[in-house]
Amino acid sequence: QVQFVESGGGLVQPGESLRLSCAASGMMFRIYAMGWYRQTPGNQRELVAQITSSGTTNYAESVKGRFTIARDNAKNTVYLQMNSLKPEDAGVYYCTKVRLDGAPLDDYWGQGTQVTVSS
């Protein structure tokens, strides 16, 4: 069974950094593109960053230059380094398998990790 366990969220002040991790299991991690999604109350999940199986990355315009997605296939883990955080970056962050266009490949989601950016 596919499982994702996200961690690393927390409460930070604007301008600070966080590193999110997502540990995957029950799948052949290395062959899948992975993505990080953010959800805020009352809104649908939106794609923040994605990384292909070969390491090509793509970002939402709002996070370009501040966020970095990376993967460690040996650890079945995908990361999201978030720098220079802004209040609008807040939300619950999820990882999942994605298609090349960034849309979720299926309906497997973890519990998410909460990011709060506030002074």
N, C-alpha and C. Protein backbone atom coordinates (compact mmCIF):
# COMPACT_ATOMS: atom_id res chain seq x y z
N GLN A 1 0.85 -1.19 0.00
CA GLN A 1 0.00 0.00 0.00
C GLN A 1 0.88 1.24 0.00
N VAL A 2 0.55 2.17 -0.87
CA VAL A 2 1.32 3.40 -0.95
C VAL A 2 1.05 4.27 0.27
N GLN A 3 2.11 4.77 0.86
CA GLN A 3 1.98 5.69 1.99
C GLN A 3 2.98 6.83 1.85
N PHE A 4 2.55 8.01 2.26
CA PHE A 4 3.41 9.18 2.33
C PHE A 4 3.34 9.73 3.75
N VAL A 5 4.50 10.03 4.32
CA VAL A 5 4.55 10.62 5.65
C VAL A 5 5.34 11.92 5.56
N GLU A 6 4.61 13.03 5.68
CA GLU A 6 5.24 14.35 5.61
C GLU A 6 5.64 14.82 7.00
N SER A 7 6.72 15.57 7.08
CA SER A 7 7.20 16.11 8.34
C SER A 7 8.02 17.37 8.09
N GLY A 8 8.29 18.08 9.17
CA GLY A 8 9.17 19.24 9.07
C GLY A 8 8.48 20.59 9.14
N GLY A 9 7.16 20.58 9.17
CA GLY A 9 6.45 21.84 9.25
C GLY A 9 6.59 22.48 10.62
N GLY A 10 6.06 23.67 10.75
CA GLY A 10 6.11 24.36 12.02
C GLY A 10 5.73 25.81 11.90
N LEU A 11 5.94 26.53 12.98
CA LEU A 11 5.65 27.97 13.02
C LEU A 11 6.96 28.73 12.89
N VAL A 12 7.04 29.58 11.89
CA VAL A 12 8.24 30.39 11.68
C VAL A 12 7.84 31.83 11.42
N GLN A 13 8.80 32.71 11.55
CA GLN A 13 8.58 34.11 11.23
C GLN A 13 8.88 34.37 9.76
N PRO A 14 8.30 35.41 9.20
CA PRO A 14 8.63 35.76 7.81
C PRO A 14 10.14 35.91 7.63
N GLY A 15 10.62 35.38 6.52
CA GLY A 15 12.04 35.43 6.23
C GLY A 15 12.82 34.21 6.68
N GLU A 16 12.23 33.41 7.53
CA GLU A 16 12.92 32.22 8.01
C GLU A 16 12.75 31.05 7.03
N SER A 17 13.34 29.92 7.41
CA SER A 17 13.37 28.75 6.52
C SER A 17 12.80 27.52 7.22
N LEU A 18 12.35 26.60 6.39
CA LEU A 18 11.93 25.28 6.85
C LEU A 18 12.34 24.25 5.79
N ARG A 19 12.57 23.04 6.22
CA ARG A 19 12.83 21.94 5.30
C ARG A 19 11.81 20.85 5.56
N LEU A 20 10.97 20.61 4.58
CA LEU A 20 9.98 19.55 4.68
C LEU A 20 10.54 18.25 4.11
N SER A 21 10.09 17.16 4.69
CA SER A 21 10.46 15.83 4.20
C SER A 21 9.20 15.01 3.96
N CYS A 22 9.29 14.13 3.00
CA CYS A 22 8.18 13.21 2.72
C CYS A 22 8.77 11.84 2.46
N ALA A 23 8.49 10.92 3.35
CA ALA A 23 8.97 9.55 3.21
C ALA A 23 7.89 8.71 2.54
N ALA A 24 8.25 8.06 1.47
CA ALA A 24 7.31 7.24 0.71
C ALA A 24 7.58 5.76 0.95
N SER A 25 6.53 4.98 0.90
CA SER A 25 6.66 3.53 1.02
C SER A 25 5.59 2.87 0.19
N GLY A 26 5.79 1.58 -0.09
CA GLY A 26 4.80 0.82 -0.84
C GLY A 26 4.80 1.10 -2.33
N MET A 27 5.86 1.68 -2.84
CA MET A 27 5.94 2.02 -4.25
C MET A 27 7.40 2.01 -4.69
N MET A 28 7.61 1.90 -6.01
CA MET A 28 8.96 1.97 -6.54
C MET A 28 9.31 3.44 -6.72
N PHE A 29 9.71 4.07 -5.65
CA PHE A 29 9.84 5.52 -5.55
C PHE A 29 10.63 6.10 -6.71
N ARG A 30 11.73 5.49 -7.06
CA ARG A 30 12.68 6.12 -7.99
C ARG A 30 12.10 6.34 -9.39
N ILE A 31 11.05 5.63 -9.75
CA ILE A 31 10.55 5.75 -11.12
C ILE A 31 9.46 6.82 -11.26
N TYR A 32 9.04 7.40 -10.15
CA TYR A 32 7.93 8.34 -10.19
C TYR A 32 8.38 9.79 -10.04
N ALA A 33 7.72 10.66 -10.78
CA ALA A 33 7.83 12.09 -10.49
C ALA A 33 7.06 12.36 -9.21
N MET A 34 7.57 13.28 -8.42
CA MET A 34 6.95 13.61 -7.14
C MET A 34 6.66 15.10 -7.07
N GLY A 35 5.65 15.43 -6.32
CA GLY A 35 5.30 16.83 -6.19
C GLY A 35 4.92 17.20 -4.76
N TRP A 36 5.10 18.46 -4.46
CA TRP A 36 4.63 19.03 -3.19
C TRP A 36 3.43 19.94 -3.50
N TYR A 37 2.37 19.72 -2.75
CA TYR A 37 1.17 20.52 -2.88
C TYR A 37 0.94 21.27 -1.57
N ARG A 38 0.28 22.41 -1.67
CA ARG A 38 -0.12 23.21 -0.51
C ARG A 38 -1.63 23.40 -0.54
N GLN A 39 -2.22 23.29 0.64
CA GLN A 39 -3.65 23.55 0.77
C GLN A 39 -3.92 24.51 1.90
N THR A 40 -4.75 25.50 1.62
CA THR A 40 -5.18 26.46 2.63
C THR A 40 -6.67 26.30 2.83
N PRO A 41 -7.18 26.75 3.98
CA PRO A 41 -8.60 26.55 4.29
C PRO A 41 -9.52 27.08 3.20
N GLY A 42 -10.45 26.23 2.79
CA GLY A 42 -11.43 26.63 1.80
C GLY A 42 -10.95 26.55 0.37
N ASN A 43 -9.71 26.11 0.17
CA ASN A 43 -9.15 26.07 -1.18
C ASN A 43 -8.69 24.66 -1.53
N GLN A 44 -8.59 24.42 -2.83
CA GLN A 44 -8.06 23.15 -3.29
C GLN A 44 -6.54 23.12 -3.13
N ARG A 45 -6.02 21.94 -3.15
CA ARG A 45 -4.57 21.81 -3.13
C ARG A 45 -3.99 22.39 -4.40
N GLU A 46 -2.86 23.09 -4.25
CA GLU A 46 -2.18 23.65 -5.42
C GLU A 46 -0.75 23.16 -5.45
N LEU A 47 -0.26 22.93 -6.66
CA LEU A 47 1.09 22.43 -6.83
C LEU A 47 2.10 23.53 -6.54
N VAL A 48 3.07 23.18 -5.71
CA VAL A 48 4.13 24.13 -5.35
C VAL A 48 5.42 23.82 -6.10
N ALA A 49 5.76 22.54 -6.16
CA ALA A 49 7.00 22.13 -6.81
C ALA A 49 6.90 20.68 -7.22
N GLN A 50 7.64 20.33 -8.26
CA GLN A 50 7.66 18.95 -8.71
C GLN A 50 9.06 18.57 -9.16
N ILE A 51 9.35 17.28 -9.10
CA ILE A 51 10.64 16.78 -9.53
C ILE A 51 10.41 15.45 -10.26
N THR A 52 11.01 15.33 -11.42
CA THR A 52 10.85 14.11 -12.19
C THR A 52 11.76 13.01 -11.63
N SER A 53 11.62 11.83 -12.18
CA SER A 53 12.45 10.71 -11.74
C SER A 53 13.92 10.97 -12.05
N SER A 54 14.19 11.79 -13.05
CA SER A 54 15.58 12.08 -13.42
C SER A 54 16.10 13.36 -12.76
N GLY A 55 15.25 14.02 -11.97
CA GLY A 55 15.72 15.17 -11.21
C GLY A 55 15.39 16.53 -11.79
N THR A 56 14.66 16.58 -12.88
CA THR A 56 14.23 17.87 -13.42
C THR A 56 13.17 18.47 -12.52
N THR A 57 13.31 19.75 -12.24
CA THR A 57 12.40 20.41 -11.29
C THR A 57 11.57 21.49 -11.96
N ASN A 58 10.46 21.79 -11.33
CA ASN A 58 9.58 22.86 -11.79
C ASN A 58 8.87 23.43 -10.57
N TYR A 59 8.64 24.76 -10.61
CA TYR A 59 8.09 25.44 -9.44
C TYR A 59 6.95 26.35 -9.82
N ALA A 60 6.05 26.55 -8.86
CA ALA A 60 5.05 27.59 -9.01
C ALA A 60 5.76 28.94 -9.02
N GLU A 61 5.22 29.88 -9.78
CA GLU A 61 5.85 31.19 -9.90
C GLU A 61 6.06 31.85 -8.53
N SER A 62 5.13 31.63 -7.64
CA SER A 62 5.17 32.31 -6.35
C SER A 62 6.34 31.86 -5.46
N VAL A 63 6.94 30.71 -5.78
CA VAL A 63 8.01 30.19 -4.92
C VAL A 63 9.35 30.09 -5.64
N LYS A 64 9.38 30.41 -6.90
CA LYS A 64 10.62 30.32 -7.66
C LYS A 64 11.71 31.18 -7.02
N GLY A 65 12.88 30.61 -6.89
CA GLY A 65 14.01 31.31 -6.30
C GLY A 65 14.06 31.22 -4.79
N ARG A 66 13.00 30.72 -4.18
CA ARG A 66 12.96 30.60 -2.71
C ARG A 66 12.87 29.15 -2.25
N PHE A 67 12.18 28.33 -3.00
CA PHE A 67 11.98 26.92 -2.64
C PHE A 67 12.83 26.03 -3.54
N THR A 68 13.28 24.92 -2.98
CA THR A 68 14.03 23.93 -3.75
C THR A 68 13.51 22.54 -3.41
N ILE A 69 13.13 21.81 -4.44
CA ILE A 69 12.70 20.43 -4.26
C ILE A 69 13.86 19.51 -4.61
N ALA A 70 13.99 18.44 -3.85
CA ALA A 70 15.05 17.48 -4.09
C ALA A 70 14.56 16.10 -3.68
N ARG A 71 15.24 15.08 -4.16
CA ARG A 71 14.85 13.73 -3.80
C ARG A 71 16.09 12.90 -3.50
N ASP A 72 15.88 11.91 -2.62
CA ASP A 72 16.92 10.95 -2.30
C ASP A 72 16.30 9.58 -2.55
N ASN A 73 16.60 8.99 -3.67
CA ASN A 73 15.98 7.71 -4.02
C ASN A 73 16.42 6.58 -3.10
N ALA A 74 17.60 6.70 -2.54
CA ALA A 74 18.07 5.66 -1.61
C ALA A 74 17.24 5.66 -0.33
N LYS A 75 16.67 6.81 0.01
CA LYS A 75 15.87 6.93 1.23
C LYS A 75 14.37 7.01 0.93
N ASN A 76 14.00 6.91 -0.35
CA ASN A 76 12.58 7.03 -0.73
C ASN A 76 11.96 8.30 -0.16
N THR A 77 12.69 9.38 -0.26
CA THR A 77 12.27 10.62 0.38
C THR A 77 12.41 11.79 -0.60
N VAL A 78 11.42 12.67 -0.54
CA VAL A 78 11.47 13.92 -1.29
C VAL A 78 11.44 15.06 -0.28
N TYR A 79 12.20 16.10 -0.59
CA TYR A 79 12.35 17.23 0.33
C TYR A 79 11.86 18.52 -0.32
N LEU A 80 11.52 19.47 0.52
CA LEU A 80 11.21 20.82 0.04
C LEU A 80 11.90 21.80 0.98
N GLN A 81 12.95 22.42 0.49
CA GLN A 81 13.64 23.45 1.24
C GLN A 81 12.95 24.78 0.95
N MET A 82 12.46 25.41 2.00
CA MET A 82 11.70 26.66 1.84
C MET A 82 12.46 27.77 2.54
N ASN A 83 12.92 28.72 1.78
CA ASN A 83 13.66 29.86 2.31
C ASN A 83 12.85 31.14 2.13
N SER A 84 13.23 32.15 2.88
CA SER A 84 12.58 33.46 2.78
C SER A 84 11.06 33.32 2.81
N LEU A 85 10.58 32.61 3.79
CA LEU A 85 9.15 32.31 3.87
C LEU A 85 8.33 33.57 4.05
N LYS A 86 7.16 33.54 3.43
CA LYS A 86 6.21 34.65 3.49
C LYS A 86 4.91 34.13 4.11
N PRO A 87 4.11 35.04 4.66
CA PRO A 87 2.83 34.59 5.24
C PRO A 87 1.97 33.82 4.24
N GLU A 88 2.04 34.18 2.97
CA GLU A 88 1.22 33.50 1.96
C GLU A 88 1.73 32.10 1.63
N ASP A 89 2.87 31.70 2.17
CA ASP A 89 3.35 30.33 1.99
C ASP A 89 2.70 29.37 2.99
N ALA A 90 1.98 29.90 3.93
CA ALA A 90 1.37 29.06 4.97
C ALA A 90 0.33 28.11 4.38
N GLY A 91 0.20 26.97 5.04
CA GLY A 91 -0.78 25.99 4.63
C GLY A 91 -0.34 24.61 5.05
N VAL A 92 -1.11 23.63 4.65
CA VAL A 92 -0.74 22.24 4.89
C VAL A 92 -0.09 21.72 3.61
N TYR A 93 1.09 21.18 3.77
CA TYR A 93 1.87 20.70 2.64
C TYR A 93 1.80 19.19 2.55
N TYR A 94 1.55 18.73 1.35
CA TYR A 94 1.44 17.30 1.06
C TYR A 94 2.38 16.94 -0.09
N CYS A 95 2.83 15.70 -0.08
CA CYS A 95 3.55 15.19 -1.25
C CYS A 95 2.74 14.06 -1.86
N THR A 96 2.96 13.83 -3.13
CA THR A 96 2.31 12.73 -3.82
C THR A 96 3.02 12.46 -5.13
N LYS A 97 2.68 11.36 -5.76
CA LYS A 97 3.16 11.07 -7.10
C LYS A 97 2.44 12.01 -8.07
N VAL A 98 3.16 12.51 -9.06
CA VAL A 98 2.54 13.40 -10.02
C VAL A 98 2.83 12.96 -11.45
N ARG A 99 2.00 13.43 -12.36
CA ARG A 99 2.26 13.26 -13.78
C ARG A 99 3.25 14.34 -14.22
N LEU A 100 3.68 14.26 -15.44
CA LEU A 100 4.64 15.25 -15.90
C LEU A 100 4.06 16.66 -15.95
N ASP A 101 2.74 16.76 -16.03
CA ASP A 101 2.13 18.09 -16.01
C ASP A 101 1.88 18.59 -14.60
N GLY A 102 2.28 17.79 -13.60
CA GLY A 102 2.14 18.20 -12.21
C GLY A 102 0.86 17.76 -11.54
N ALA A 103 -0.09 17.24 -12.29
CA ALA A 103 -1.33 16.77 -11.69
C ALA A 103 -1.08 15.48 -10.91
N PRO A 104 -1.82 15.26 -9.86
CA PRO A 104 -1.64 14.02 -9.10
C PRO A 104 -1.83 12.80 -9.99
N LEU A 105 -0.98 11.81 -9.81
CA LEU A 105 -1.07 10.59 -10.62
C LEU A 105 -2.21 9.70 -10.13
N ASP A 106 -2.44 9.71 -8.84
CA ASP A 106 -3.54 8.94 -8.28
C ASP A 106 -4.00 9.65 -7.01
N ASP A 107 -4.66 8.94 -6.13
CA ASP A 107 -5.30 9.62 -4.99
C ASP A 107 -4.68 9.22 -3.66
N TYR A 108 -3.36 8.99 -3.68
CA TYR A 108 -2.69 8.68 -2.42
C TYR A 108 -2.12 9.97 -1.84
N TRP A 109 -2.51 10.25 -0.60
CA TRP A 109 -2.04 11.43 0.11
C TRP A 109 -1.68 11.06 1.53
N GLY A 110 -0.71 11.78 2.08
CA GLY A 110 -0.38 11.60 3.49
C GLY A 110 -1.24 12.51 4.35
N GLN A 111 -0.81 12.66 5.60
CA GLN A 111 -1.56 13.50 6.53
C GLN A 111 -1.19 14.96 6.39
N GLY A 112 -0.10 15.23 5.67
CA GLY A 112 0.34 16.59 5.49
C GLY A 112 1.13 17.11 6.68
N THR A 113 1.80 18.24 6.46
CA THR A 113 2.51 18.91 7.54
C THR A 113 2.19 20.39 7.49
N GLN A 114 1.86 20.95 8.63
CA GLN A 114 1.37 22.33 8.71
C GLN A 114 2.54 23.31 8.72
N VAL A 115 2.46 24.30 7.87
CA VAL A 115 3.42 25.40 7.86
C VAL A 115 2.68 26.68 8.19
N THR A 116 3.15 27.37 9.21
CA THR A 116 2.57 28.65 9.61
C THR A 116 3.67 29.69 9.59
N VAL A 117 3.40 30.79 8.91
CA VAL A 117 4.38 31.87 8.80
C VAL A 117 3.74 33.13 9.37
N SER A 118 4.22 33.53 10.51
CA SER A 118 3.60 34.65 11.19
C SER A 118 4.60 35.32 12.11
N SER A 119 4.48 36.63 12.21
CA SER A 119 5.33 37.36 13.15
C SER A 119 4.63 37.55 14.48
